[in-house]
Amino acid sequence: MTGEAVKALLRRLQALQGERAEAYRLFEEGHRAYLSSAPHYDFPRYRQLVHEITLAFSGISREVLRIAGRLRDELARPDLAQHLARLQEREQEKLQLTAQLQLAQQQAQDQPDVDAHQQEVRELKHKLIKTIEAINEILQDLKYDSEEVE
């Protein structure tokens, strides 16, 4: 029964990661629309999008933390719970970098002749790629460590 419960939680985690990916897609799409409204930015609409995305990420994070708690406390899998804790840290970092990148992209668009803005966009994109790679590595570690369940 414990193995089945662990598998069910990991399937739910996979679904939550899919929800995160969709939320990021909507966030990026909304930001592109916001940038295209320059120079008279539609900030109220963008602010509403940020609010909705924040609620979505918050709900996903709470559920991932509940899964981690169950894995650790009820199912005696602290190793898997630790992967989820690391995943949450990296996902938080990814969200912060995404927000910083969006701000930098607006500054670069508003002041295209300022090289520092273009450089900041490049640096943030690089950091974001590294964070996504770390997230994928954690998910691989989780998959590997959970295979004994199957």
C-alpha atoms as a PDB file:
ATOM      1  CA  MET A   1       0.000   0.000   0.000  1.00  0.00           C
ATOM      2  CA  THR A   2       2.838   2.405   0.813  1.00  0.00           C
ATOM      3  CA  GLY A   3       4.327   1.959  -2.670  1.00  0.00           C
ATOM      4  CA  GLU A   4       0.987   2.741  -4.288  1.00  0.00           C
ATOM      5  CA  ALA A   5       0.555   5.844  -2.133  1.00  0.00           C
ATOM      6  CA  VAL A   6       4.028   7.076  -3.065  1.00  0.00           C
ATOM      7  CA  LYS A   7       3.328   6.498  -6.766  1.00  0.00           C
ATOM      8  CA  ALA A   8       0.026   8.372  -6.500  1.00  0.00           C
ATOM      9  CA  LEU A   9       1.741  11.340  -4.834  1.00  0.00           C
ATOM     10  CA  LEU A  10       4.463  11.386  -7.481  1.00  0.00           C
ATOM     11  CA  ARG A  11       1.824  11.314 -10.252  1.00  0.00           C
ATOM     12  CA  ARG A  12       0.149  14.289  -8.580  1.00  0.00           C
ATOM     13  CA  LEU A  13       3.517  16.065  -8.416  1.00  0.00           C
ATOM     14  CA  GLN A  14       3.955  15.464 -12.135  1.00  0.00           C
ATOM     15  CA  ALA A  15       0.522  17.000 -12.778  1.00  0.00           C
ATOM     16  CA  LEU A  16       1.434  19.996 -10.598  1.00  0.00           C
ATOM     17  CA  GLN A  17       4.634  20.518 -12.583  1.00  0.00           C
ATOM     18  CA  GLY A  18       2.480  20.532 -15.724  1.00  0.00           C
ATOM     19  CA  GLU A  19       0.260  23.192 -14.128  1.00  0.00           C
ATOM     20  CA  ARG A  20       3.371  25.230 -13.331  1.00  0.00           C
ATOM     21  CA  ALA A  21       4.539  24.987 -16.930  1.00  0.00           C
ATOM     22  CA  GLU A  22       1.142  26.190 -18.159  1.00  0.00           C
ATOM     23  CA  ALA A  23       1.161  29.082 -15.673  1.00  0.00           C
ATOM     24  CA  TYR A  24       4.609  30.135 -16.930  1.00  0.00           C
ATOM     25  CA  ARG A  25       3.340  29.966 -20.510  1.00  0.00           C
ATOM     26  CA  LEU A  26       0.422  32.255 -19.639  1.00  0.00           C
ATOM     27  CA  PHE A  27       2.745  34.578 -17.700  1.00  0.00           C
ATOM     28  CA  GLU A  28       5.106  34.885 -20.678  1.00  0.00           C
ATOM     29  CA  GLU A  29       2.220  35.347 -23.110  1.00  0.00           C
ATOM     30  CA  GLY A  30       0.724  38.068 -20.908  1.00  0.00           C
ATOM     31  CA  HIS A  31       4.064  39.815 -20.582  1.00  0.00           C
ATOM     32  CA  ARG A  32       4.549  39.834 -24.360  1.00  0.00           C
ATOM     33  CA  ALA A  33       1.092  41.402 -24.729  1.00  0.00           C
ATOM     34  CA  TYR A  34       2.006  43.960 -22.055  1.00  0.00           C
ATOM     35  CA  LEU A  35       5.248  44.880 -23.853  1.00  0.00           C
ATOM     36  CA  SER A  36       3.406  45.212 -27.153  1.00  0.00           C
ATOM     37  CA  SER A  37       1.136  47.844 -25.571  1.00  0.00           C
ATOM     38  CA  ALA A  38       4.093  50.282 -25.320  1.00  0.00           C
ATOM     39  CA  PRO A  39       4.476  53.160 -24.943  1.00  0.00           C
ATOM     40  CA  HIS A  40       1.102  53.350 -23.180  1.00  0.00           C
ATOM     41  CA  TYR A  41       1.457  50.147 -21.186  1.00  0.00           C
ATOM     42  CA  ASP A  42      -1.726  48.419 -20.050  1.00  0.00           C
ATOM     43  CA  PHE A  43      -0.474  48.041 -16.491  1.00  0.00           C
ATOM     44  CA  PRO A  44      -3.843  47.280 -14.815  1.00  0.00           C
ATOM     45  CA  ARG A  45      -4.339  44.214 -17.028  1.00  0.00           C
ATOM     46  CA  TYR A  46      -0.749  43.066 -16.448  1.00  0.00           C
ATOM     47  CA  ARG A  47      -1.098  43.596 -12.675  1.00  0.00           C
ATOM     48  CA  GLN A  48      -4.235  41.404 -12.721  1.00  0.00           C
ATOM     49  CA  LEU A  49      -2.330  38.706 -14.607  1.00  0.00           C
ATOM     50  CA  VAL A  50       0.507  38.842 -12.061  1.00  0.00           C
ATOM     51  CA  HIS A  51      -2.045  38.499  -9.258  1.00  0.00           C
ATOM     52  CA  GLU A  52      -3.674  35.450 -10.895  1.00  0.00           C
ATOM     53  CA  ILE A  53      -0.319  33.807 -11.630  1.00  0.00           C
ATOM     54  CA  THR A  54       0.829  34.452  -8.061  1.00  0.00           C
ATOM     55  CA  LEU A  55      -2.299  32.727  -6.726  1.00  0.00           C
ATOM     56  CA  ALA A  56      -1.728  29.758  -9.051  1.00  0.00           C
ATOM     57  CA  PHE A  57       1.924  29.365  -8.031  1.00  0.00           C
ATOM     58  CA  SER A  58       1.035  29.739  -4.368  1.00  0.00           C
ATOM     59  CA  GLY A  59      -1.577  26.980  -4.582  1.00  0.00           C
ATOM     60  CA  ILE A  60       0.814  24.676  -6.445  1.00  0.00           C
ATOM     61  CA  SER A  61       3.570  25.325  -3.897  1.00  0.00           C
ATOM     62  CA  ARG A  62       1.266  24.587  -0.963  1.00  0.00           C
ATOM     63  CA  GLU A  63       0.255  21.295  -2.524  1.00  0.00           C
ATOM     64  CA  VAL A  64       3.864  20.305  -3.284  1.00  0.00           C
ATOM     65  CA  LEU A  65       4.774  21.038   0.338  1.00  0.00           C
ATOM     66  CA  ARG A  66       1.843  18.863   1.502  1.00  0.00           C
ATOM     67  CA  ILE A  67       3.106  16.048  -0.728  1.00  0.00           C
ATOM     68  CA  ALA A  68       6.604  16.453   0.713  1.00  0.00           C
ATOM     69  CA  GLY A  69       5.179  16.312   4.229  1.00  0.00           C
ATOM     70  CA  ARG A  70       3.260  13.120   3.505  1.00  0.00           C
ATOM     71  CA  LEU A  71       6.302  11.499   1.909  1.00  0.00           C
ATOM     72  CA  ARG A  72       8.424  12.381   4.931  1.00  0.00           C
ATOM     73  CA  ASP A  73       5.983  11.854   7.799  1.00  0.00           C
ATOM     74  CA  GLU A  74       3.514   9.201   6.656  1.00  0.00           C
ATOM     75  CA  LEU A  75       5.352   7.200   4.018  1.00  0.00           C
ATOM     76  CA  ALA A  76       8.895   7.122   5.435  1.00  0.00           C
ATOM     77  CA  ARG A  77      10.469   8.595   2.302  1.00  0.00           C
ATOM     78  CA  PRO A  78      12.492  11.575   3.577  1.00  0.00           C
ATOM     79  CA  ASP A  79      14.788  11.170   0.561  1.00  0.00           C
ATOM     80  CA  LEU A  80      11.934  11.984  -1.822  1.00  0.00           C
ATOM     81  CA  ALA A  81      10.672  14.777   0.446  1.00  0.00           C
ATOM     82  CA  GLN A  82      14.148  16.339   0.316  1.00  0.00           C
ATOM     83  CA  HIS A  83      14.016  16.384  -3.488  1.00  0.00           C
ATOM     84  CA  LEU A  84      10.709  18.226  -3.281  1.00  0.00           C
ATOM     85  CA  ALA A  85      12.181  20.783  -0.869  1.00  0.00           C
ATOM     86  CA  ARG A  86      15.039  21.398  -3.320  1.00  0.00           C
ATOM     87  CA  LEU A  87      12.531  21.580  -6.174  1.00  0.00           C
ATOM     88  CA  GLN A  88      10.525  24.247  -4.330  1.00  0.00           C
ATOM     89  CA  GLU A  89      13.666  26.331  -3.716  1.00  0.00           C
ATOM     90  CA  ARG A  90      14.603  26.232  -7.398  1.00  0.00           C
ATOM     91  CA  GLU A  91      11.030  26.933  -8.524  1.00  0.00           C
ATOM     92  CA  GLN A  92      10.959  29.991  -6.268  1.00  0.00           C
ATOM     93  CA  GLU A  93      14.279  31.109  -7.743  1.00  0.00           C
ATOM     94  CA  LYS A  94      12.891  30.577 -11.268  1.00  0.00           C
ATOM     95  CA  LEU A  95       9.841  32.718 -10.531  1.00  0.00           C
ATOM     96  CA  GLN A  96      11.996  35.520  -9.097  1.00  0.00           C
ATOM     97  CA  LEU A  97      14.326  35.400 -12.107  1.00  0.00           C
ATOM     98  CA  THR A  98      11.355  35.413 -14.482  1.00  0.00           C
ATOM     99  CA  ALA A  99       9.978  38.557 -12.830  1.00  0.00           C
ATOM    100  CA  GLN A 100      13.417  40.222 -12.933  1.00  0.00           C
ATOM    101  CA  LEU A 101      13.798  39.272 -16.587  1.00  0.00           C
ATOM    102  CA  GLN A 102      10.418  40.741 -17.472  1.00  0.00           C
ATOM    103  CA  LEU A 103      11.356  44.023 -15.811  1.00  0.00           C
ATOM    104  CA  ALA A 104      14.736  44.034 -17.570  1.00  0.00           C
ATOM    105  CA  GLN A 105      13.053  43.341 -20.920  1.00  0.00           C
ATOM    106  CA  GLN A 106      10.786  46.337 -20.431  1.00  0.00           C
ATOM    107  CA  GLN A 107      13.740  48.553 -19.525  1.00  0.00           C
ATOM    108  CA  ALA A 108      15.650  47.308 -22.582  1.00  0.00           C
ATOM    109  CA  GLN A 109      12.631  48.029 -24.769  1.00  0.00           C
ATOM    110  CA  ASP A 110      12.099  51.488 -23.274  1.00  0.00           C
ATOM    111  CA  GLN A 111      15.792  52.431 -23.484  1.00  0.00           C
ATOM    112  CA  PRO A 112      17.241  50.430 -26.389  1.00  0.00           C
ATOM    113  CA  ASP A 113      20.395  52.557 -26.505  1.00  0.00           C
ATOM    114  CA  VAL A 114      21.434  51.606 -22.942  1.00  0.00           C
ATOM    115  CA  ASP A 115      23.737  48.608 -23.311  1.00  0.00           C
ATOM    116  CA  ALA A 116      23.504  47.771 -19.605  1.00  0.00           C
ATOM    117  CA  HIS A 117      19.836  46.814 -20.031  1.00  0.00           C
ATOM    118  CA  GLN A 118      20.618  44.454 -22.919  1.00  0.00           C
ATOM    119  CA  GLN A 119      23.440  42.918 -20.866  1.00  0.00           C
ATOM    120  CA  GLU A 120      21.128  42.435 -17.882  1.00  0.00           C
ATOM    121  CA  VAL A 121      18.582  40.640 -20.106  1.00  0.00           C
ATOM    122  CA  ARG A 122      21.322  38.288 -21.369  1.00  0.00           C
ATOM    123  CA  GLU A 123      22.598  37.585 -17.844  1.00  0.00           C
ATOM    124  CA  LEU A 124      19.117  36.907 -16.478  1.00  0.00           C
ATOM    125  CA  LYS A 125      18.306  34.586 -19.389  1.00  0.00           C
ATOM    126  CA  HIS A 126      21.505  32.660 -18.636  1.00  0.00           C
ATOM    127  CA  LYS A 127      20.646  32.404 -14.921  1.00  0.00           C
ATOM    128  CA  LEU A 128      17.127  31.262 -15.832  1.00  0.00           C
ATOM    129  CA  ILE A 129      18.500  28.527 -18.102  1.00  0.00           C
ATOM    130  CA  LYS A 130      20.803  27.331 -15.307  1.00  0.00           C
ATOM    131  CA  THR A 131      17.887  27.272 -12.850  1.00  0.00           C
ATOM    132  CA  ILE A 132      15.707  25.296 -15.270  1.00  0.00           C
ATOM    133  CA  GLU A 133      18.573  22.831 -15.737  1.00  0.00           C
ATOM    134  CA  ALA A 134      18.799  22.453 -11.931  1.00  0.00           C
ATOM    135  CA  ILE A 135      15.029  21.838 -11.738  1.00  0.00           C
ATOM    136  CA  ASN A 136      15.270  19.169 -14.435  1.00  0.00           C
ATOM    137  CA  GLU A 137      18.173  17.538 -12.592  1.00  0.00           C
ATOM    138  CA  ILE A 138      16.151  17.436  -9.352  1.00  0.00           C
ATOM    139  CA  LEU A 139      13.224  15.869 -11.216  1.00  0.00           C
ATOM    140  CA  GLN A 140      15.596  13.256 -12.683  1.00  0.00           C
ATOM    141  CA  ASP A 141      16.992  12.504  -9.210  1.00  0.00           C
ATOM    142  CA  LEU A 142      13.442  12.170  -7.896  1.00  0.00           C
ATOM    143  CA  LYS A 143      12.536   9.794 -10.722  1.00  0.00           C
ATOM    144  CA  TYR A 144      15.658   7.690 -10.133  1.00  0.00           C
ATOM    145  CA  ASP A 145      15.196   7.530  -6.357  1.00  0.00           C
ATOM    146  CA  SER A 146      11.518   6.682  -6.659  1.00  0.00           C
ATOM    147  CA  GLU A 147      11.973   3.846  -9.159  1.00  0.00           C
ATOM    148  CA  GLU A 148      12.378   1.361  -6.330  1.00  0.00           C
ATOM    149  CA  VAL A 149       8.710   2.044  -5.595  1.00  0.00           C
ATOM    150  CA  GLU A 150       7.590   0.667  -8.952  1.00  0.00           C
END
